[in-house]
Amino acid sequence: MSTDVTREQGTAFMPKFDAAGLLSAVVQDADTGEVLMVAFMDDEALAATQETGIAHFHSRSRNALWKKGETSGNILRVMEIRVDCDQDALVLKVTPAGPACHTGARSCFYRRLDGETLAPAPVAA
């Protein structure tokens, strides 16, 4: 079986990192399904997340491992990691310990595009 077929149809976890060594990670509230944030993971962040059960990401601005909530206390406890078909993106289903966004908003997606302007998005129930 080719690597692509094995990756797409097999049971082995074979993450497909991009040229920068990153995977996209969509973070979703495990209870409500609300999308809280999007970040990137490298192999170090993925390993730390799997080992600790707390979301870790790769900070592109600092080029370093970033434990979400390390300074704010707003950690994301990972309940499940879902892998897309070609293993180049993840969904982390989490239980947040506070706001996910650095602005203090529950979700980073607190605005919606309304024509050419941004308007407040409805709060998820």
PDB file of N, CA and C in Angstrom:
ATOM      1  N   MET A   1       0.847  -1.172   0.000  1.00  0.00           N
ATOM      2  CA  MET A   1       0.000   0.000   0.000  1.00  0.00           C
ATOM      3  C   MET A   1       0.896   1.239   0.000  1.00  0.00           C
ATOM      4  N   SER A   2       0.540   2.251  -0.799  1.00  0.00           N
ATOM      5  CA  SER A   2       1.344   3.467  -0.846  1.00  0.00           C
ATOM      6  C   SER A   2       1.193   4.238   0.462  1.00  0.00           C
ATOM      7  N   THR A   3       2.128   5.138   0.712  1.00  0.00           N
ATOM      8  CA  THR A   3       2.086   5.945   1.934  1.00  0.00           C
ATOM      9  C   THR A   3       0.795   6.748   2.010  1.00  0.00           C
ATOM     10  N   ASP A   4       0.368   7.327   0.866  1.00  0.00           N
ATOM     11  CA  ASP A   4      -0.871   8.120   0.862  1.00  0.00           C
ATOM     12  C   ASP A   4      -2.082   7.268   1.210  1.00  0.00           C
ATOM     13  N   VAL A   5      -2.171   6.066   0.638  1.00  0.00           N
ATOM     14  CA  VAL A   5      -3.300   5.180   0.930  1.00  0.00           C
ATOM     15  C   VAL A   5      -3.245   4.748   2.391  1.00  0.00           C
ATOM     16  N   THR A   6      -2.062   4.413   2.876  1.00  0.00           N
ATOM     17  CA  THR A   6      -1.907   4.022   4.274  1.00  0.00           C
ATOM     18  C   THR A   6      -2.310   5.167   5.185  1.00  0.00           C
ATOM     19  N   ARG A   7      -1.880   6.389   4.846  1.00  0.00           N
ATOM     20  CA  ARG A   7      -2.193   7.559   5.660  1.00  0.00           C
ATOM     21  C   ARG A   7      -3.700   7.831   5.672  1.00  0.00           C
ATOM     22  N   GLU A   8      -4.332   7.692   4.501  1.00  0.00           N
ATOM     23  CA  GLU A   8      -5.744   8.053   4.373  1.00  0.00           C
ATOM     24  C   GLU A   8      -6.708   6.948   4.786  1.00  0.00           C
ATOM     25  N   GLN A   9      -6.295   5.698   4.729  1.00  0.00           N
ATOM     26  CA  GLN A   9      -7.230   4.613   4.993  1.00  0.00           C
ATOM     27  C   GLN A   9      -6.799   3.680   6.112  1.00  0.00           C
ATOM     28  N   GLY A  10      -5.554   3.806   6.545  1.00  0.00           N
ATOM     29  CA  GLY A  10      -5.042   2.910   7.561  1.00  0.00           C
ATOM     30  C   GLY A  10      -5.337   3.382   8.973  1.00  0.00           C
ATOM     31  N   THR A  11      -4.802   2.655   9.926  1.00  0.00           N
ATOM     32  CA  THR A  11      -5.022   2.991  11.333  1.00  0.00           C
ATOM     33  C   THR A  11      -3.794   3.612  11.992  1.00  0.00           C
ATOM     34  N   ALA A  12      -2.678   3.682  11.276  1.00  0.00           N
ATOM     35  CA  ALA A  12      -1.457   4.258  11.849  1.00  0.00           C
ATOM     36  C   ALA A  12      -1.538   5.782  11.844  1.00  0.00           C
ATOM     37  N   PHE A  13      -1.125   6.383  12.956  1.00  0.00           N
ATOM     38  CA  PHE A  13      -1.047   7.843  13.026  1.00  0.00           C
ATOM     39  C   PHE A  13       0.247   8.259  12.354  1.00  0.00           C
ATOM     40  N   MET A  14       0.111   8.967  11.231  1.00  0.00           N
ATOM     41  CA  MET A  14       1.243   9.396  10.412  1.00  0.00           C
ATOM     42  C   MET A  14       1.069  10.877  10.079  1.00  0.00           C
ATOM     43  N   PRO A  15       1.254  11.766  11.064  1.00  0.00           N
ATOM     44  CA  PRO A  15       1.001  13.188  10.811  1.00  0.00           C
ATOM     45  C   PRO A  15       1.805  13.704   9.619  1.00  0.00           C
ATOM     46  N   LYS A  16       1.141  14.514   8.810  1.00  0.00           N
ATOM     47  CA  LYS A  16       1.754  15.076   7.602  1.00  0.00           C
ATOM     48  C   LYS A  16       1.992  16.565   7.849  1.00  0.00           C
ATOM     49  N   PHE A  17       3.158  16.866   8.387  1.00  0.00           N
ATOM     50  CA  PHE A  17       3.524  18.243   8.676  1.00  0.00           C
ATOM     51  C   PHE A  17       3.825  18.978   7.371  1.00  0.00           C
ATOM     52  N   ASP A  18       3.554  20.291   7.347  1.00  0.00           N
ATOM     53  CA  ASP A  18       3.848  21.078   6.153  1.00  0.00           C
ATOM     54  C   ASP A  18       5.351  21.365   6.062  1.00  0.00           C
ATOM     55  N   ALA A  19       5.750  22.166   5.079  1.00  0.00           N
ATOM     56  CA  ALA A  19       7.166  22.461   4.853  1.00  0.00           C
ATOM     57  C   ALA A  19       7.814  23.148   6.053  1.00  0.00           C
ATOM     58  N   ALA A  20       7.012  23.833   6.866  1.00  0.00           N
ATOM     59  CA  ALA A  20       7.521  24.501   8.070  1.00  0.00           C
ATOM     60  C   ALA A  20       7.481  23.571   9.285  1.00  0.00           C
ATOM     61  N   GLY A  21       7.021  22.330   9.087  1.00  0.00           N
ATOM     62  CA  GLY A  21       6.952  21.368  10.183  1.00  0.00           C
ATOM     63  C   GLY A  21       5.734  21.541  11.066  1.00  0.00           C
ATOM     64  N   LEU A  22       4.638  22.077  10.502  1.00  0.00           N
ATOM     65  CA  LEU A  22       3.450  22.387  11.290  1.00  0.00           C
ATOM     66  C   LEU A  22       2.207  21.675  10.772  1.00  0.00           C
ATOM     67  N   LEU A  23       1.272  21.460  11.700  1.00  0.00           N
ATOM     68  CA  LEU A  23      -0.090  21.002  11.413  1.00  0.00           C
ATOM     69  C   LEU A  23      -1.048  22.084  11.883  1.00  0.00           C
ATOM     70  N   SER A  24      -2.159  22.278  11.196  1.00  0.00           N
ATOM     71  CA  SER A  24      -3.215  23.160  11.686  1.00  0.00           C
ATOM     72  C   SER A  24      -3.988  22.431  12.767  1.00  0.00           C
ATOM     73  N   ALA A  25      -4.361  23.150  13.812  1.00  0.00           N
ATOM     74  CA  ALA A  25      -5.141  22.565  14.900  1.00  0.00           C
ATOM     75  C   ALA A  25      -6.340  23.463  15.198  1.00  0.00           C
ATOM     76  N   VAL A  26      -7.522  22.946  14.937  1.00  0.00           N
ATOM     77  CA  VAL A  26      -8.765  23.643  15.266  1.00  0.00           C
ATOM     78  C   VAL A  26      -9.146  23.210  16.672  1.00  0.00           C
ATOM     79  N   VAL A  27      -9.406  24.172  17.532  1.00  0.00           N
ATOM     80  CA  VAL A  27      -9.743  23.873  18.926  1.00  0.00           C
ATOM     81  C   VAL A  27     -11.238  24.101  19.118  1.00  0.00           C
ATOM     82  N   GLN A  28     -11.920  23.053  19.583  1.00  0.00           N
ATOM     83  CA  GLN A  28     -13.373  23.062  19.693  1.00  0.00           C
ATOM     84  C   GLN A  28     -13.774  22.675  21.110  1.00  0.00           C
ATOM     85  N   ASP A  29     -14.764  23.369  21.667  1.00  0.00           N
ATOM     86  CA  ASP A  29     -15.288  23.022  22.982  1.00  0.00           C
ATOM     87  C   ASP A  29     -15.917  21.626  22.897  1.00  0.00           C
ATOM     88  N   ALA A  30     -15.474  20.723  23.743  1.00  0.00           N
ATOM     89  CA  ALA A  30     -15.953  19.337  23.706  1.00  0.00           C
ATOM     90  C   ALA A  30     -17.436  19.228  24.034  1.00  0.00           C
ATOM     91  N   ASP A  31     -17.960  20.139  24.848  1.00  0.00           N
ATOM     92  CA  ASP A  31     -19.371  20.071  25.245  1.00  0.00           C
ATOM     93  C   ASP A  31     -20.302  20.758  24.258  1.00  0.00           C
ATOM     94  N   THR A  32     -19.920  21.948  23.773  1.00  0.00           N
ATOM     95  CA  THR A  32     -20.827  22.740  22.945  1.00  0.00           C
ATOM     96  C   THR A  32     -20.549  22.640  21.453  1.00  0.00           C
ATOM     97  N   GLY A  33     -19.339  22.221  21.084  1.00  0.00           N
ATOM     98  CA  GLY A  33     -18.969  22.185  19.674  1.00  0.00           C
ATOM     99  C   GLY A  33     -18.483  23.523  19.144  1.00  0.00           C
ATOM    100  N   GLU A  34     -18.503  24.560  19.971  1.00  0.00           N
ATOM    101  CA  GLU A  34     -18.067  25.884  19.539  1.00  0.00           C
ATOM    102  C   GLU A  34     -16.579  25.865  19.182  1.00  0.00           C
ATOM    103  N   VAL A  35     -16.231  26.481  18.049  1.00  0.00           N
ATOM    104  CA  VAL A  35     -14.833  26.624  17.677  1.00  0.00           C
ATOM    105  C   VAL A  35     -14.247  27.761  18.513  1.00  0.00           C
ATOM    106  N   LEU A  36     -13.192  27.436  19.261  1.00  0.00           N
ATOM    107  CA  LEU A  36     -12.599  28.407  20.181  1.00  0.00           C
ATOM    108  C   LEU A  36     -11.402  29.130  19.588  1.00  0.00           C
ATOM    109  N   MET A  37     -10.574  28.423  18.849  1.00  0.00           N
ATOM    110  CA  MET A  37      -9.382  29.031  18.277  1.00  0.00           C
ATOM    111  C   MET A  37      -8.785  28.100  17.232  1.00  0.00           C
ATOM    112  N   VAL A  38      -7.826  28.624  16.477  1.00  0.00           N
ATOM    113  CA  VAL A  38      -7.033  27.840  15.536  1.00  0.00           C
ATOM    114  C   VAL A  38      -5.578  28.160  15.834  1.00  0.00           C
ATOM    115  N   ALA A  39      -4.755  27.137  15.885  1.00  0.00           N
ATOM    116  CA  ALA A  39      -3.332  27.328  16.152  1.00  0.00           C
ATOM    117  C   ALA A  39      -2.559  26.294  15.351  1.00  0.00           C
ATOM    118  N   PHE A  40      -1.267  26.233  15.580  1.00  0.00           N
ATOM    119  CA  PHE A  40      -0.413  25.297  14.860  1.00  0.00           C
ATOM    120  C   PHE A  40       0.342  24.424  15.841  1.00  0.00           C
ATOM    121  N   MET A  41       0.600  23.214  15.424  1.00  0.00           N
ATOM    122  CA  MET A  41       1.353  22.269  16.242  1.00  0.00           C
ATOM    123  C   MET A  41       2.516  21.727  15.433  1.00  0.00           C
ATOM    124  N   ASP A  42       3.678  21.643  16.066  1.00  0.00           N
ATOM    125  CA  ASP A  42       4.796  20.914  15.479  1.00  0.00           C
ATOM    126  C   ASP A  42       4.890  19.581  16.221  1.00  0.00           C
ATOM    127  N   ASP A  43       5.902  18.773  15.911  1.00  0.00           N
ATOM    128  CA  ASP A  43       5.979  17.468  16.559  1.00  0.00           C
ATOM    129  C   ASP A  43       6.180  17.589  18.066  1.00  0.00           C
ATOM    130  N   GLU A  44       6.883  18.619  18.524  1.00  0.00           N
ATOM    131  CA  GLU A  44       7.101  18.818  19.959  1.00  0.00           C
ATOM    132  C   GLU A  44       5.794  19.172  20.670  1.00  0.00           C
ATOM    133  N   ALA A  45       4.996  20.058  20.075  1.00  0.00           N
ATOM    134  CA  ALA A  45       3.715  20.452  20.671  1.00  0.00           C
ATOM    135  C   ALA A  45       2.740  19.278  20.693  1.00  0.00           C
ATOM    136  N   LEU A  46       2.723  18.511  19.618  1.00  0.00           N
ATOM    137  CA  LEU A  46       1.842  17.347  19.556  1.00  0.00           C
ATOM    138  C   LEU A  46       2.223  16.328  20.627  1.00  0.00           C
ATOM    139  N   ALA A  47       3.513  16.076  20.767  1.00  0.00           N
ATOM    140  CA  ALA A  47       3.982  15.120  21.788  1.00  0.00           C
ATOM    141  C   ALA A  47       3.657  15.612  23.189  1.00  0.00           C
ATOM    142  N   ALA A  48       3.860  16.897  23.464  1.00  0.00           N
ATOM    143  CA  ALA A  48       3.566  17.454  24.787  1.00  0.00           C
ATOM    144  C   ALA A  48       2.070  17.381  25.084  1.00  0.00           C
ATOM    145  N   THR A  49       1.250  17.629  24.075  1.00  0.00           N
ATOM    146  CA  THR A  49      -0.206  17.547  24.243  1.00  0.00           C
ATOM    147  C   THR A  49      -0.621  16.115  24.558  1.00  0.00           C
ATOM    148  N   GLN A  50      -0.092  15.164  23.813  1.00  0.00           N
ATOM    149  CA  GLN A  50      -0.437  13.761  24.043  1.00  0.00           C
ATOM    150  C   GLN A  50       0.059  13.289  25.415  1.00  0.00           C
ATOM    151  N   GLU A  51       1.212  13.747  25.827  1.00  0.00           N
ATOM    152  CA  GLU A  51       1.797  13.314  27.095  1.00  0.00           C
ATOM    153  C   GLU A  51       1.079  13.897  28.307  1.00  0.00           C
ATOM    154  N   THR A  52       0.660  15.175  28.220  1.00  0.00           N
ATOM    155  CA  THR A  52       0.101  15.867  29.387  1.00  0.00           C
ATOM    156  C   THR A  52      -1.418  15.966  29.392  1.00  0.00           C
ATOM    157  N   GLY A  53      -2.054  15.869  28.217  1.00  0.00           N
ATOM    158  CA  GLY A  53      -3.497  16.083  28.133  1.00  0.00           C
ATOM    159  C   GLY A  53      -3.877  17.552  28.150  1.00  0.00           C
ATOM    160  N   ILE A  54      -2.889  18.435  28.108  1.00  0.00           N
ATOM    161  CA  ILE A  54      -3.095  19.885  28.050  1.00  0.00           C
ATOM    162  C   ILE A  54      -2.607  20.368  26.689  1.00  0.00           C
ATOM    163  N   ALA A  55      -3.379  21.248  26.027  1.00  0.00           N
ATOM    164  CA  ALA A  55      -3.021  21.706  24.689  1.00  0.00           C
ATOM    165  C   ALA A  55      -1.731  22.511  24.694  1.00  0.00           C
ATOM    166  N   HIS A  56      -0.832  22.101  23.831  1.00  0.00           N
ATOM    167  CA  HIS A  56       0.414  22.813  23.557  1.00  0.00           C
ATOM    168  C   HIS A  56       0.429  23.117  22.063  1.00  0.00           C
ATOM    169  N   PHE A  57       1.002  24.243  21.712  1.00  0.00           N
ATOM    170  CA  PHE A  57       1.071  24.646  20.312  1.00  0.00           C
ATOM    171  C   PHE A  57       2.473  25.129  19.988  1.00  0.00           C
ATOM    172  N   HIS A  58       2.681  25.408  18.714  1.00  0.00           N
ATOM    173  CA  HIS A  58       3.932  26.021  18.290  1.00  0.00           C
ATOM    174  C   HIS A  58       3.652  27.494  18.062  1.00  0.00           C
ATOM    175  N   SER A  59       4.335  28.357  18.790  1.00  0.00           N
ATOM    176  CA  SER A  59       4.198  29.793  18.601  1.00  0.00           C
ATOM    177  C   SER A  59       5.060  30.203  17.422  1.00  0.00           C
ATOM    178  N   ARG A  60       4.407  30.625  16.346  1.00  0.00           N
ATOM    179  CA  ARG A  60       5.166  31.057  15.171  1.00  0.00           C
ATOM    180  C   ARG A  60       5.901  32.362  15.442  1.00  0.00           C
ATOM    181  N   SER A  61       5.325  33.247  16.256  1.00  0.00           N
ATOM    182  CA  SER A  61       5.983  34.525  16.531  1.00  0.00           C
ATOM    183  C   SER A  61       7.231  34.361  17.394  1.00  0.00           C
ATOM    184  N   ARG A  62       7.196  33.398  18.313  1.00  0.00           N
ATOM    185  CA  ARG A  62       8.363  33.159  19.180  1.00  0.00           C
ATOM    186  C   ARG A  62       9.208  31.982  18.710  1.00  0.00           C
ATOM    187  N   ASN A  63       8.685  31.237  17.727  1.00  0.00           N
ATOM    188  CA  ASN A  63       9.339  30.021  17.236  1.00  0.00           C
ATOM    189  C   ASN A  63       9.693  29.101  18.404  1.00  0.00           C
ATOM    190  N   ALA A  64       8.683  28.848  19.237  1.00  0.00           N
ATOM    191  CA  ALA A  64       8.915  28.051  20.443  1.00  0.00           C
ATOM    192  C   ALA A  64       7.641  27.306  20.842  1.00  0.00           C
ATOM    193  N   LEU A  65       7.815  26.301  21.692  1.00  0.00           N
ATOM    194  CA  LEU A  65       6.691  25.575  22.274  1.00  0.00           C
ATOM    195  C   LEU A  65       5.885  26.525  23.153  1.00  0.00           C
ATOM    196  N   TRP A  66       4.554  26.424  23.067  1.00  0.00           N
ATOM    197  CA  TRP A  66       3.661  27.302  23.819  1.00  0.00           C
ATOM    198  C   TRP A  66       2.588  26.441  24.477  1.00  0.00           C
ATOM    199  N   LYS A  67       2.584  26.425  25.796  1.00  0.00           N
ATOM    200  CA  LYS A  67       1.527  25.742  26.541  1.00  0.00           C
ATOM    201  C   LYS A  67       0.397  26.747  26.717  1.00  0.00           C
ATOM    202  N   LYS A  68      -0.742  26.483  26.090  1.00  0.00           N
ATOM    203  CA  LYS A  68      -1.884  27.393  26.169  1.00  0.00           C
ATOM    204  C   LYS A  68      -2.298  27.560  27.625  1.00  0.00           C
ATOM    205  N   GLY A  69      -2.368  28.797  28.090  1.00  0.00           N
ATOM    206  CA  GLY A  69      -2.778  29.089  29.454  1.00  0.00           C
ATOM    207  C   GLY A  69      -1.641  29.095  30.454  1.00  0.00           C
ATOM    208  N   GLU A  70      -0.421  28.982  29.978  1.00  0.00           N
ATOM    209  CA  GLU A  70       0.736  28.916  30.876  1.00  0.00           C
ATOM    210  C   GLU A  70       0.817  30.131  31.795  1.00  0.00           C
ATOM    211  N   THR A  71       0.516  31.318  31.269  1.00  0.00           N
ATOM    212  CA  THR A  71       0.574  32.520  32.118  1.00  0.00           C
ATOM    213  C   THR A  71      -0.807  32.933  32.618  1.00  0.00           C
ATOM    214  N   SER A  72      -1.857  32.703  31.828  1.00  0.00           N
ATOM    215  CA  SER A  72      -3.206  33.148  32.213  1.00  0.00           C
ATOM    216  C   SER A  72      -3.936  32.146  33.097  1.00  0.00           C
ATOM    217  N   GLY A  73      -3.526  30.887  33.043  1.00  0.00           N
ATOM    218  CA  GLY A  73      -4.251  29.835  33.748  1.00  0.00           C
ATOM    219  C   GLY A  73      -5.403  29.268  32.937  1.00  0.00           C
ATOM    220  N   ASN A  74      -5.651  29.827  31.749  1.00  0.00           N
ATOM    221  CA  ASN A  74      -6.757  29.391  30.895  1.00  0.00           C
ATOM    222  C   ASN A  74      -6.321  28.226  30.012  1.00  0.00           C
ATOM    223  N   ILE A  75      -6.003  27.117  30.657  1.00  0.00           N
ATOM    224  CA  ILE A  75      -5.543  25.950  29.918  1.00  0.00           C
ATOM    225  C   ILE A  75      -6.695  25.300  29.163  1.00  0.00           C
ATOM    226  N   LEU A  76      -6.327  24.463  28.224  1.00  0.00           N
ATOM    227  CA  LEU A  76      -7.292  23.691  27.457  1.00  0.00           C
ATOM    228  C   LEU A  76      -7.006  22.221  27.710  1.00  0.00           C
ATOM    229  N   ARG A  77      -7.897  21.563  28.460  1.00  0.00           N
ATOM    230  CA  ARG A  77      -7.740  20.134  28.750  1.00  0.00           C
ATOM    231  C   ARG A  77      -8.282  19.360  27.548  1.00  0.00           C
ATOM    232  N   VAL A  78      -7.428  18.575  26.932  1.00  0.00           N
ATOM    233  CA  VAL A  78      -7.780  17.867  25.697  1.00  0.00           C
ATOM    234  C   VAL A  78      -8.526  16.578  26.031  1.00  0.00           C
ATOM    235  N   MET A  79      -9.733  16.472  25.513  1.00  0.00           N
ATOM    236  CA  MET A  79     -10.574  15.298  25.729  1.00  0.00           C
ATOM    237  C   MET A  79     -10.430  14.293  24.583  1.00  0.00           C
ATOM    238  N   GLU A  80     -10.171  14.823  23.383  1.00  0.00           N
ATOM    239  CA  GLU A  80     -10.076  13.962  22.200  1.00  0.00           C
ATOM    240  C   GLU A  80      -9.322  14.718  21.117  1.00  0.00           C
ATOM    241  N   ILE A  81      -8.551  13.986  20.330  1.00  0.00           N
ATOM    242  CA  ILE A  81      -7.891  14.570  19.154  1.00  0.00           C
ATOM    243  C   ILE A  81      -8.436  13.833  17.932  1.00  0.00           C
ATOM    244  N   ARG A  82      -9.001  14.595  17.020  1.00  0.00           N
ATOM    245  CA  ARG A  82      -9.477  14.026  15.765  1.00  0.00           C
ATOM    246  C   ARG A  82      -8.492  14.397  14.666  1.00  0.00           C
ATOM    247  N   VAL A  83      -8.326  13.490  13.727  1.00  0.00           N
ATOM    248  CA  VAL A  83      -7.343  13.644  12.666  1.00  0.00           C
ATOM    249  C   VAL A  83      -8.088  13.643  11.331  1.00  0.00           C
ATOM    250  N   ASP A  84      -7.773  14.607  10.449  1.00  0.00           N
ATOM    251  CA  ASP A  84      -8.457  14.626   9.156  1.00  0.00           C
ATOM    252  C   ASP A  84      -7.925  13.529   8.244  1.00  0.00           C
ATOM    253  N   CYS A  85      -8.559  13.379   7.094  1.00  0.00           N
ATOM    254  CA  CYS A  85      -8.313  12.239   6.203  1.00  0.00           C
ATOM    255  C   CYS A  85      -6.865  12.097   5.762  1.00  0.00           C
ATOM    256  N   ASP A  86      -6.180  13.204   5.475  1.00  0.00           N
ATOM    257  CA  ASP A  86      -4.792  13.061   5.050  1.00  0.00           C
ATOM    258  C   ASP A  86      -3.799  13.440   6.141  1.00  0.00           C
ATOM    259  N   GLN A  87      -4.291  13.555   7.348  1.00  0.00           N
ATOM    260  CA  GLN A  87      -3.487  13.718   8.562  1.00  0.00           C
ATOM    261  C   GLN A  87      -2.623  14.984   8.568  1.00  0.00           C
ATOM    262  N   ASP A  88      -3.127  16.061   7.928  1.00  0.00           N
ATOM    263  CA  ASP A  88      -2.391  17.320   7.980  1.00  0.00           C
ATOM    264  C   ASP A  88      -3.117  18.391   8.787  1.00  0.00           C
ATOM    265  N   ALA A  89      -4.211  18.004   9.446  1.00  0.00           N
ATOM    266  CA  ALA A  89      -4.952  18.922  10.310  1.00  0.00           C
ATOM    267  C   ALA A  89      -5.599  18.118  11.431  1.00  0.00           C
ATOM    268  N   LEU A  90      -5.725  18.780  12.575  1.00  0.00           N
ATOM    269  CA  LEU A  90      -6.307  18.149  13.759  1.00  0.00           C
ATOM    270  C   LEU A  90      -7.461  18.980  14.287  1.00  0.00           C
ATOM    271  N   VAL A  91      -8.368  18.333  14.976  1.00  0.00           N
ATOM    272  CA  VAL A  91      -9.379  19.000  15.785  1.00  0.00           C
ATOM    273  C   VAL A  91      -9.140  18.540  17.215  1.00  0.00           C
ATOM    274  N   LEU A  92      -8.906  19.504  18.089  1.00  0.00           N
ATOM    275  CA  LEU A  92      -8.747  19.198  19.505  1.00  0.00           C
ATOM    276  C   LEU A  92     -10.060  19.515  20.193  1.00  0.00           C
ATOM    277  N   LYS A  93     -10.725  18.511  20.727  1.00  0.00           N
ATOM    278  CA  LYS A  93     -11.947  18.723  21.507  1.00  0.00           C
ATOM    279  C   LYS A  93     -11.489  18.903  22.945  1.00  0.00           C
ATOM    280  N   VAL A  94     -11.802  20.074  23.506  1.00  0.00           N
ATOM    281  CA  VAL A  94     -11.220  20.467  24.784  1.00  0.00           C
ATOM    282  C   VAL A  94     -12.278  20.907  25.795  1.00  0.00           C
ATOM    283  N   THR A  95     -11.852  20.897  27.048  1.00  0.00           N
ATOM    284  CA  THR A  95     -12.598  21.542  28.117  1.00  0.00           C
ATOM    285  C   THR A  95     -11.763  22.746  28.541  1.00  0.00           C
ATOM    286  N   PRO A  96     -12.240  23.962  28.237  1.00  0.00           N
ATOM    287  CA  PRO A  96     -11.450  25.146  28.556  1.00  0.00           C
ATOM    288  C   PRO A  96     -11.589  25.535  30.024  1.00  0.00           C
ATOM    289  N   ALA A  97     -10.490  26.052  30.582  1.00  0.00           N
ATOM    290  CA  ALA A  97     -10.499  26.518  31.972  1.00  0.00           C
ATOM    291  C   ALA A  97     -10.661  28.030  32.031  1.00  0.00           C
ATOM    292  N   GLY A  98     -11.230  28.615  31.004  1.00  0.00           N
ATOM    293  CA  GLY A  98     -11.423  30.058  30.926  1.00  0.00           C
ATOM    294  C   GLY A  98     -11.472  30.462  29.469  1.00  0.00           C
ATOM    295  N   PRO A  99     -11.404  31.758  29.199  1.00  0.00           N
ATOM    296  CA  PRO A  99     -11.447  32.227  27.815  1.00  0.00           C
ATOM    297  C   PRO A  99     -10.309  31.634  26.996  1.00  0.00           C
ATOM    298  N   ALA A 100     -10.595  31.292  25.751  1.00  0.00           N
ATOM    299  CA  ALA A 100      -9.562  30.749  24.871  1.00  0.00           C
ATOM    300  C   ALA A 100      -8.783  31.854  24.172  1.00  0.00           C
ATOM    301  N   CYS A 101      -9.409  33.002  23.974  1.00  0.00           N
ATOM    302  CA  CYS A 101      -8.776  34.086  23.224  1.00  0.00           C
ATOM    303  C   CYS A 101      -7.944  34.979  24.134  1.00  0.00           C
ATOM    304  N   HIS A 102      -6.809  35.449  23.615  1.00  0.00           N
ATOM    305  CA  HIS A 102      -5.944  36.337  24.401  1.00  0.00           C
ATOM    306  C   HIS A 102      -6.612  37.679  24.702  1.00  0.00           C
ATOM    307  N   THR A 103      -7.721  37.996  23.981  1.00  0.00           N
ATOM    308  CA  THR A 103      -8.445  39.245  24.244  1.00  0.00           C
ATOM    309  C   THR A 103      -9.367  39.124  25.456  1.00  0.00           C
ATOM    310  N   GLY A 104      -9.529  37.908  25.956  1.00  0.00           N
ATOM    311  CA  GLY A 104     -10.461  37.663  27.057  1.00  0.00           C
ATOM    312  C   GLY A 104     -11.801  37.131  26.586  1.00  0.00           C
ATOM    313  N   ALA A 105     -11.987  37.063  25.270  1.00  0.00           N
ATOM    314  CA  ALA A 105     -13.226  36.507  24.723  1.00  0.00           C
ATOM    315  C   ALA A 105     -13.200  34.982  24.854  1.00  0.00           C
ATOM    316  N   ARG A 106     -14.363  34.390  25.004  1.00  0.00           N
ATOM    317  CA  ARG A 106     -14.454  32.935  25.128  1.00  0.00           C
ATOM    318  C   ARG A 106     -13.848  32.246  23.917  1.00  0.00           C
ATOM    319  N   SER A 107     -14.118  32.774  22.736  1.00  0.00           N
ATOM    320  CA  SER A 107     -13.621  32.228  21.479  1.00  0.00           C
ATOM    321  C   SER A 107     -12.893  33.331  20.721  1.00  0.00           C
ATOM    322  N   CYS A 108     -11.915  32.949  19.934  1.00  0.00           N
ATOM    323  CA  CYS A 108     -11.244  33.930  19.075  1.00  0.00           C
ATOM    324  C   CYS A 108     -12.161  34.384  17.934  1.00  0.00           C
ATOM    325  N   PHE A 109     -13.251  33.649  17.706  1.00  0.00           N
ATOM    326  CA  PHE A 109     -14.171  33.943  16.618  1.00  0.00           C
ATOM    327  C   PHE A 109     -15.401  34.696  17.140  1.00  0.00           C
ATOM    328  N   TYR A 110     -15.158  35.858  17.716  1.00  0.00           N
ATOM    329  CA  TYR A 110     -16.230  36.657  18.330  1.00  0.00           C
ATOM    330  C   TYR A 110     -16.799  37.719  17.393  1.00  0.00           C
ATOM    331  N   ARG A 111     -16.288  37.754  16.149  1.00  0.00           N
ATOM    332  CA  ARG A 111     -16.809  38.696  15.155  1.00  0.00           C
ATOM    333  C   ARG A 111     -17.179  37.943  13.888  1.00  0.00           C
ATOM    334  N   ARG A 112     -18.126  38.522  13.146  1.00  0.00           N
ATOM    335  CA  ARG A 112     -18.517  37.943  11.866  1.00  0.00           C
ATOM    336  C   ARG A 112     -18.370  39.019  10.802  1.00  0.00           C
ATOM    337  N   LEU A 113     -18.140  38.592   9.583  1.00  0.00           N
ATOM    338  CA  LEU A 113     -18.023  39.519   8.473  1.00  0.00           C
ATOM    339  C   LEU A 113     -19.411  39.912   8.021  1.00  0.00           C
ATOM    340  N   ASP A 114     -19.685  41.203   8.015  1.00  0.00           N
ATOM    341  CA  ASP A 114     -20.979  41.750   7.612  1.00  0.00           C
ATOM    342  C   ASP A 114     -20.701  42.736   6.480  1.00  0.00           C
ATOM    343  N   GLY A 115     -20.752  42.244   5.252  1.00  0.00           N
ATOM    344  CA  GLY A 115     -20.370  43.079   4.103  1.00  0.00           C
ATOM    345  C   GLY A 115     -18.864  43.308   4.147  1.00  0.00           C
ATOM    346  N   GLU A 116     -18.465  44.551   4.372  1.00  0.00           N
ATOM    347  CA  GLU A 116     -17.051  44.910   4.436  1.00  0.00           C
ATOM    348  C   GLU A 116     -16.618  45.262   5.853  1.00  0.00           C
ATOM    349  N   THR A 117     -17.489  45.045   6.836  1.00  0.00           N
ATOM    350  CA  THR A 117     -17.147  45.389   8.214  1.00  0.00           C
ATOM    351  C   THR A 117     -17.310  44.164   9.117  1.00  0.00           C
ATOM    352  N   LEU A 118     -16.739  44.291  10.289  1.00  0.00           N
ATOM    353  CA  LEU A 118     -16.866  43.241  11.298  1.00  0.00           C
ATOM    354  C   LEU A 118     -17.937  43.637  12.308  1.00  0.00           C
ATOM    355  N   ALA A 119     -18.765  42.678  12.670  1.00  0.00           N
ATOM    356  CA  ALA A 119     -19.828  42.897  13.649  1.00  0.00           C
ATOM    357  C   ALA A 119     -19.731  41.809  14.696  1.00  0.00           C
ATOM    358  N   PRO A 120     -20.244  42.073  15.908  1.00  0.00           N
ATOM    359  CA  PRO A 120     -20.206  41.024  16.924  1.00  0.00           C
ATOM    360  C   PRO A 120     -20.948  39.771  16.461  1.00  0.00           C
ATOM    361  N   ALA A 121     -20.353  38.633  16.705  1.00  0.00           N
ATOM    362  CA  ALA A 121     -20.999  37.361  16.385  1.00  0.00           C
ATOM    363  C   ALA A 121     -21.927  36.981  17.529  1.00  0.00           C
ATOM    364  N   PRO A 122     -23.003  36.286  17.246  1.00  0.00           N
ATOM    365  CA  PRO A 122     -23.865  35.832  18.339  1.00  0.00           C
ATOM    366  C   PRO A 122     -23.073  34.915  19.283  1.00  0.00           C
ATOM    367  N   VAL A 123     -23.373  35.002  20.536  1.00  0.00           N
ATOM    368  CA  VAL A 123     -22.710  34.157  21.532  1.00  0.00           C
ATOM    369  C   VAL A 123     -23.317  32.767  21.440  1.00  0.00           C
ATOM    370  N   ALA A 124     -22.451  31.756  21.401  1.00  0.00           N
ATOM    371  CA  ALA A 124     -22.927  30.367  21.337  1.00  0.00           C
ATOM    372  C   ALA A 124     -23.651  30.019  22.619  1.00  0.00           C
ATOM    373  N   ALA A 125     -24.713  29.252  22.474  1.00  0.00           N
ATOM    374  CA  ALA A 125     -25.491  28.852  23.656  1.00  0.00           C
ATOM    375  C   ALA A 125     -24.832  27.738  24.401  1.00  0.00           C
TER     376      ALA A 125
END
